[in-house]
């Protein structure tokens, strides 16, 4: 049966522009290994982060076929597992910000939305050995894997590892873009609070308002995000003029955007851009965001190259874990660390 065409509130309509007007970062020169190539990419990255905060990354070294395979596993999980299997790996039960969440359980814009986001998904973090001390750190812990669903764990971790490797290469280019030593961030991202998700957005029907969107307007919380889209579209970002701009899906590129922590780290030099998802395609939409955040104990203060007498530090120092916890816990009605009812002191 055909899904009824959606009707958008006029304030929710994105301005359609050719994707060539969005910054495109070619990562290939950085992958050459030469300093000149890395500095070339760093220059373009700096311009994009200052002026947009949202960009495409091409020639990342991660094969598009890997994202396609991961999308396939995401669809299989949602279609082939039983409600009991999903409940057993529910984030609300498992904790650690890992596992499955259903439609409405996450609300990324609680100031406007009443019903929560119209999406479901699954969170995966670093797979830790039994004796890894980080297992006792909030938001680390163990991943939640469904029973009797062979191949899923291996597929998810393969994608996670590929994106984690890309992110650790990319943050070195970020360091160069900020006139810092290339390895400046290395010791702060060797045990990252990185999270991979797959998300499913059913098509929205009827009159759409801010009461419920596929994903409510928000900025990302951490350093930066890589996003693979499945070709359906629906992502919008708000530019500095306050206009909502469509970010068309490109299967040959990742979308990358800056998060709040990097805006804080760069003393507001780099922009953490407000964005949202509205799926009016009459199709199911899937996406694969990978959030790259620093170690839990990473000390976050304004970088020396981003502070001057005329531009003093805008934020008090914090840690990677404290910053993420403050932002993340506000979006759920349950305790994201331990599972179960939400704790008042979070």
Foldseek 3Di string as FASTA:
>chain_A
DFFAFADEDVQPDFDEDPLVVQQEQECVLLVVVDPVSLLVSLQSVLVNQQFFLKYWYFPLVDDLVLVVVLVVLFVCVVPPDDPVQQVQFELLAAFLLFGKDAAQQFAQCVVQADRGAQKIKGKDWDADDPPDPCLPPRSPNHHRDGPPPPPNVVSVVVVLVVVLVSVLSVVLSNCVSLVHHSCPCVVFAPRWSKMKMKMKHAADHYYDDSNYANHHKHFAQAAKKWKAWDQQFFKWWAGPVRGTHGNGHDSRITMMGGGPLNCLQLLNSGDRIIMTGHRSSSHMIMMMMMDTHTDQAAKGHHDPSNDDPVRHRPDDIDGRNVRCCVSVLVGGQHRNGNRDGHDPVD
